[in-house]
Protein backbone atom coordinates (compact mmCIF):
# COMPACT_ATOMS: atom_id res chain seq x y z
CA MET A 1 199.58 122.25 135.74
CA ALA A 2 197.22 123.92 133.53
CA LYS A 3 193.88 125.07 134.85
CA LEU A 4 191.00 125.83 133.28
CA LEU A 5 188.27 128.09 135.19
CA ALA A 6 184.26 127.76 133.10
CA ILE A 7 182.19 130.76 134.66
CA ASP A 8 178.45 130.69 134.35
CA GLY A 9 177.98 134.18 133.30
CA LEU A 10 174.63 135.30 133.52
CA ASN A 11 174.64 133.47 136.94
CA ILE A 12 176.72 136.02 138.12
CA VAL A 13 175.19 138.84 135.79
CA ARG A 14 171.76 138.28 137.23
CA ARG A 15 171.91 137.48 140.69
CA VAL A 16 174.21 140.36 140.91
CA TYR A 17 171.65 142.11 139.38
CA GLU A 18 168.66 140.42 141.43
CA ALA A 19 169.87 141.44 144.84
CA SER A 20 169.18 145.17 144.48
CA PRO A 21 165.30 146.28 144.74
CA GLU A 22 165.86 148.73 143.02
CA PRO A 23 163.24 148.89 139.84
CA ASP A 24 164.90 148.13 136.71
CA SER A 25 166.85 151.17 134.77
CA ASP A 26 169.58 151.68 133.40
CA LEU A 27 171.72 152.89 136.07
CA LYS A 28 170.52 149.61 137.94
CA ALA A 29 172.19 147.43 134.85
CA SER A 30 175.17 149.69 135.09
CA ILE A 31 175.71 149.55 138.32
CA ALA A 32 174.82 145.21 138.77
CA LEU A 33 177.34 145.14 135.76
CA ARG A 34 180.05 146.93 137.17
CA HIS A 35 179.80 144.87 140.63
CA ALA A 36 179.34 141.44 138.47
CA LEU A 37 182.89 142.99 136.37
CA SER A 38 184.49 142.87 140.17
CA SER A 39 183.14 139.69 140.74
CA PHE A 40 184.84 138.35 137.40
CA ARG A 41 187.66 140.10 138.58
CA ASN A 42 187.87 137.79 141.88
CA LEU A 43 187.33 135.08 140.65
CA LEU A 44 190.41 135.44 138.17
CA GLU A 45 192.47 136.53 141.33
CA THR A 46 191.17 133.42 143.99
CA HIS A 47 191.76 130.74 141.34
CA GLN A 48 194.73 131.88 139.23
CA PRO A 49 193.63 129.82 135.91
CA THR A 50 195.71 129.22 132.99
CA HIS A 51 192.59 129.02 130.88
CA VAL A 52 189.15 130.81 131.23
CA LEU A 53 185.95 129.86 129.58
CA ALA A 54 183.13 132.86 130.33
CA ALA A 55 179.59 131.29 128.98
CA PHE A 56 176.74 133.11 128.15
CA ASP A 57 173.26 132.13 126.83
CA HIS A 58 173.07 133.56 123.68
CA GLY A 59 169.03 134.20 124.34
CA GLY A 60 166.31 132.81 122.41
CA GLU A 61 164.99 129.76 121.74
CA ASN A 62 167.00 126.39 122.00
CA TRP A 63 167.09 122.99 121.32
CA ARG A 64 165.46 122.28 124.96
CA HIS A 65 162.33 124.64 123.45
CA ALA A 66 162.23 122.63 120.19
CA LEU A 67 161.91 119.24 122.40
CA TYR A 68 159.89 120.62 124.93
CA PRO A 69 157.50 123.68 123.89
CA ARG A 70 157.01 124.89 127.23
CA TYR A 71 160.43 124.85 128.77
CA ARG A 72 161.29 127.48 130.89
CA GLU A 73 157.75 129.30 130.03
CA GLY A 74 157.33 130.32 134.11
CA ARG A 75 160.86 131.98 134.04
CA ALA A 76 160.71 136.18 134.15
CA PRO A 77 162.14 136.89 130.65
CA MET A 78 165.53 138.77 131.37
CA PRO A 79 164.91 142.84 131.89
CA ALA A 80 165.10 144.29 128.72
CA VAL A 81 167.92 147.16 130.44
CA LEU A 82 169.97 144.56 131.40
CA ARG A 83 170.00 142.52 128.10
CA ALA A 84 170.64 145.64 126.33
CA ALA A 85 173.74 146.70 128.30
CA LEU A 86 175.10 143.07 128.15
CA PRO A 87 177.16 143.45 124.56
CA GLY A 88 178.98 146.25 126.05
CA PHE A 89 179.54 144.13 129.41
CA HIS A 90 181.11 140.80 127.31
CA GLN A 91 183.91 143.33 125.22
CA ARG A 92 184.62 144.63 128.98
CA LEU A 93 185.95 141.18 129.41
CA ARG A 94 187.66 140.99 126.60
CA GLU A 95 189.37 143.95 127.77
CA VAL A 96 190.09 141.90 130.66
CA GLY A 97 191.28 139.27 128.52
CA LEU A 98 188.82 136.49 128.74
CA GLN A 99 187.37 135.04 125.47
CA VAL A 100 183.30 135.13 125.80
CA LEU A 101 181.29 132.17 124.23
CA ALA A 102 177.65 132.90 123.63
CA ILE A 103 176.64 130.18 120.90
CA PRO A 104 172.91 130.19 119.11
CA GLY A 105 170.78 127.22 119.76
CA VAL A 106 172.19 125.88 123.13
CA GLU A 107 172.73 127.33 126.67
CA ALA A 108 176.05 128.39 128.63
CA ASP A 109 175.39 124.80 130.29
CA ASP A 110 175.83 123.10 127.35
CA VAL A 111 179.05 125.16 126.19
CA ILE A 112 180.30 124.44 130.06
CA GLY A 113 180.33 120.90 130.00
CA THR A 114 181.28 120.39 126.64
CA GLY A 115 184.48 122.45 127.65
CA VAL A 116 184.89 121.32 130.87
CA LEU A 117 184.86 117.68 129.89
CA ARG A 118 187.02 118.08 126.47
CA TRP A 119 189.18 119.27 128.77
CA LEU A 120 189.48 116.62 131.29
CA SER A 121 189.60 113.93 128.83
CA GLU A 122 192.46 115.33 127.44
CA GLY A 123 194.03 115.14 130.61
CA LYS A 124 195.31 118.84 130.83
CA GLY A 125 194.48 119.46 134.23
CA GLU A 126 192.34 120.91 136.84
CA ALA A 127 188.89 122.19 136.02
CA ILE A 128 186.79 124.37 138.09
CA VAL A 129 183.23 125.61 136.86
CA ALA A 130 182.12 128.73 138.63
CA THR A 131 178.01 128.42 139.45
CA THR A 132 175.36 128.03 141.67
CA ASP A 133 173.21 126.16 139.02
CA LYS A 134 172.37 123.09 140.10
CA ASP A 135 172.42 121.22 137.12
CA LEU A 136 176.22 121.54 136.17
CA HIS A 137 177.11 119.60 139.26
CA HIS A 138 177.29 116.64 137.50
CA LEU A 139 180.72 117.68 136.34
CA ILE A 140 181.92 117.02 139.79
CA ALA A 141 181.41 113.08 138.35
CA HIS A 142 184.23 113.73 136.00
CA GLY A 143 186.55 115.42 138.41
CA ALA A 144 185.83 119.46 138.16
CA LEU A 145 185.06 121.08 141.09
CA VAL A 146 182.14 123.64 141.89
CA TRP A 147 183.06 127.22 143.42
CA ASP A 148 180.16 129.19 145.10
CA HIS A 149 181.53 132.59 144.53
CA PHE A 150 178.18 133.77 146.32
CA LYS A 151 179.22 131.71 149.77
CA ASN A 152 182.72 131.69 148.56
CA GLU A 153 182.65 127.76 149.19
CA TRP A 154 183.86 124.67 147.30
CA HIS A 155 181.21 121.83 146.39
CA ASP A 156 182.46 118.29 145.63
CA ASP A 157 181.51 115.06 145.17
CA ALA A 158 180.72 115.03 149.48
CA TRP A 159 178.58 118.39 149.28
CA VAL A 160 176.39 116.94 146.08
CA ARG A 161 175.63 113.68 148.33
CA GLN A 162 174.54 115.99 151.69
CA ARG A 163 172.84 118.69 149.38
CA PHE A 164 170.78 115.99 147.09
CA GLY A 165 170.86 112.71 148.76
CA VAL A 166 172.73 111.42 145.97
CA ALA A 167 176.14 111.12 143.43
CA PRO A 168 177.01 113.27 141.29
CA GLU A 169 176.61 110.88 138.28
CA ARG A 170 173.09 110.82 139.30
CA LEU A 171 171.97 114.11 139.78
CA HIS A 172 170.61 114.45 136.30
CA ASP A 173 168.04 111.22 137.21
CA LEU A 174 167.13 113.06 140.14
CA LEU A 175 166.16 116.06 138.31
CA ALA A 176 164.47 114.21 135.93
CA LEU A 177 162.06 112.58 138.25
CA MET A 178 162.06 115.51 140.56
CA GLY A 179 161.57 118.03 137.64
CA ASP A 180 162.68 121.69 138.05
CA PRO A 181 160.36 124.35 138.27
CA THR A 182 162.73 127.30 137.14
CA ASP A 183 163.08 125.73 133.89
CA GLY A 184 159.84 124.75 133.29
CA VAL A 185 161.08 120.51 133.32
CA PRO A 186 158.07 118.64 134.59
CA GLY A 187 159.46 115.56 135.87
CA VAL A 188 156.57 113.19 137.82
CA SER A 189 153.93 114.50 139.38
CA LYS A 190 153.97 114.45 143.59
CA VAL A 191 157.85 112.77 143.78
CA GLY A 192 160.13 115.66 145.47
CA MET A 193 164.22 115.77 146.40
CA LYS A 194 163.67 113.05 148.73
CA THR A 195 161.59 110.67 147.07
CA ALA A 196 163.50 111.01 143.98
CA ALA A 197 166.96 110.12 145.92
CA ARG A 198 165.17 107.15 147.78
CA LEU A 199 164.17 105.56 144.41
CA LEU A 200 167.72 105.97 143.05
CA ASN A 201 169.57 104.88 146.19
CA ALA A 202 167.45 101.62 146.39
CA TYR A 203 167.58 100.83 142.20
CA GLY A 204 170.76 102.34 141.07
CA ASP A 205 169.63 104.55 138.20
CA LEU A 206 166.58 105.86 136.13
CA ASP A 207 166.07 103.04 133.95
CA ALA A 208 165.94 100.87 137.17
CA VAL A 209 163.86 103.04 138.11
CA ILE A 210 161.17 102.89 135.39
CA ALA A 211 162.01 99.02 135.50
CA GLY A 212 161.60 98.27 139.18
CA ALA A 213 159.68 101.26 141.02
CA GLY A 214 157.61 101.76 137.83
CA ILE A 215 156.11 98.56 138.10
CA LEU A 216 154.75 98.57 141.53
CA LYS A 217 151.22 98.56 142.36
CA THR A 218 151.45 101.39 144.38
CA PRO A 219 150.20 105.14 143.26
CA LEU A 220 153.55 106.44 142.99
CA GLY A 221 154.64 103.19 140.37
CA GLU A 222 151.20 104.26 138.99
CA ARG A 223 152.27 107.51 137.90
CA LEU A 224 155.71 105.96 136.76
CA ARG A 225 154.18 104.49 134.63
CA ALA A 226 151.56 106.96 133.13
CA GLU A 227 154.19 109.70 133.13
CA ARG A 228 156.49 107.57 131.29
CA GLY A 229 156.46 109.86 128.21
CA ILE A 230 157.14 112.76 130.22
CA LEU A 231 159.89 111.81 132.29
CA GLU A 232 161.82 110.87 129.26
CA ILE A 233 161.23 114.64 128.12
CA SER A 234 162.42 116.10 131.65
CA ARG A 235 165.86 113.14 131.36
CA GLN A 236 166.52 114.95 127.96
CA LEU A 237 165.88 118.25 128.96
CA VAL A 238 167.94 118.28 132.38
CA HIS A 239 171.02 116.50 130.26
CA VAL A 240 173.70 118.49 129.57
CA LYS A 241 175.51 118.60 125.90
CA THR A 242 178.91 117.82 125.50
CA ASP A 243 179.16 118.14 121.73
CA VAL A 244 179.03 121.54 121.09
CA ARG A 245 181.31 123.01 118.43
CA LEU A 246 182.65 125.69 120.46
CA GLY A 247 184.94 127.20 117.93
CA VAL A 248 187.74 128.11 120.21
CA SER A 249 191.21 126.46 120.59
CA TRP A 250 192.80 126.22 124.32
CA ASN A 251 195.06 128.81 123.29
CA MET A 252 192.41 130.87 122.56
CA LEU A 253 191.19 130.36 126.00
CA ALA A 254 194.95 130.78 127.68
CA TYR A 255 194.75 133.72 130.00
CA ASP A 256 197.55 135.64 131.18
CA ALA A 257 196.89 137.78 134.65
CA HIS A 258 199.46 140.15 133.60
């Protein structure tokens, strides 16, 4: 049976780079990318995939910025030395036999979401997503598994329920309600993970929360009513696109370890 490994490339690269306390420099970037390449090799060795999708953010603004100009405004930009070194890193990945996808106007999440759901819907086989990004854990609801390379652990349905308090298919509703400061997703004020999970488990999904809890004569109900517009924007921001034109075939993503 075939096996797709979808790798969230910058998730690995930036975590490896930021693990070093050294100031930004060409040397730091070079060392980090050498370690990141080892991480990619370890993923290939560990999971023995037949197909690999190595996704990277293209950089620049994407459809989420067009929807909400403040998207990611608080996130530190990628260090210039690291960005300058990425094309060479992509080339090394190609030499290993990987197809690197970085598509303008969308994020790596959208590329991975599209590829993984297409793979699963066509019944190709197993799908593994290598990431620590919580947004991509919703793919578990569709039959994928998430692998945390840094902790060497699997994330499945039970893990998501334990970590977030909701089922994987409700994860985007949870993130819309609670927001995500890392990405600048606003959410509803004073709603954290526990409150968001409680609302979703009580009402079912985000539309039901808006219809039910949103009419309560409580401070929470008032906030849900007052912030309905920003909640809808938050829902769109955390949504992962699944209709991206990837420009590759499964044959192009086939990986031969030999």
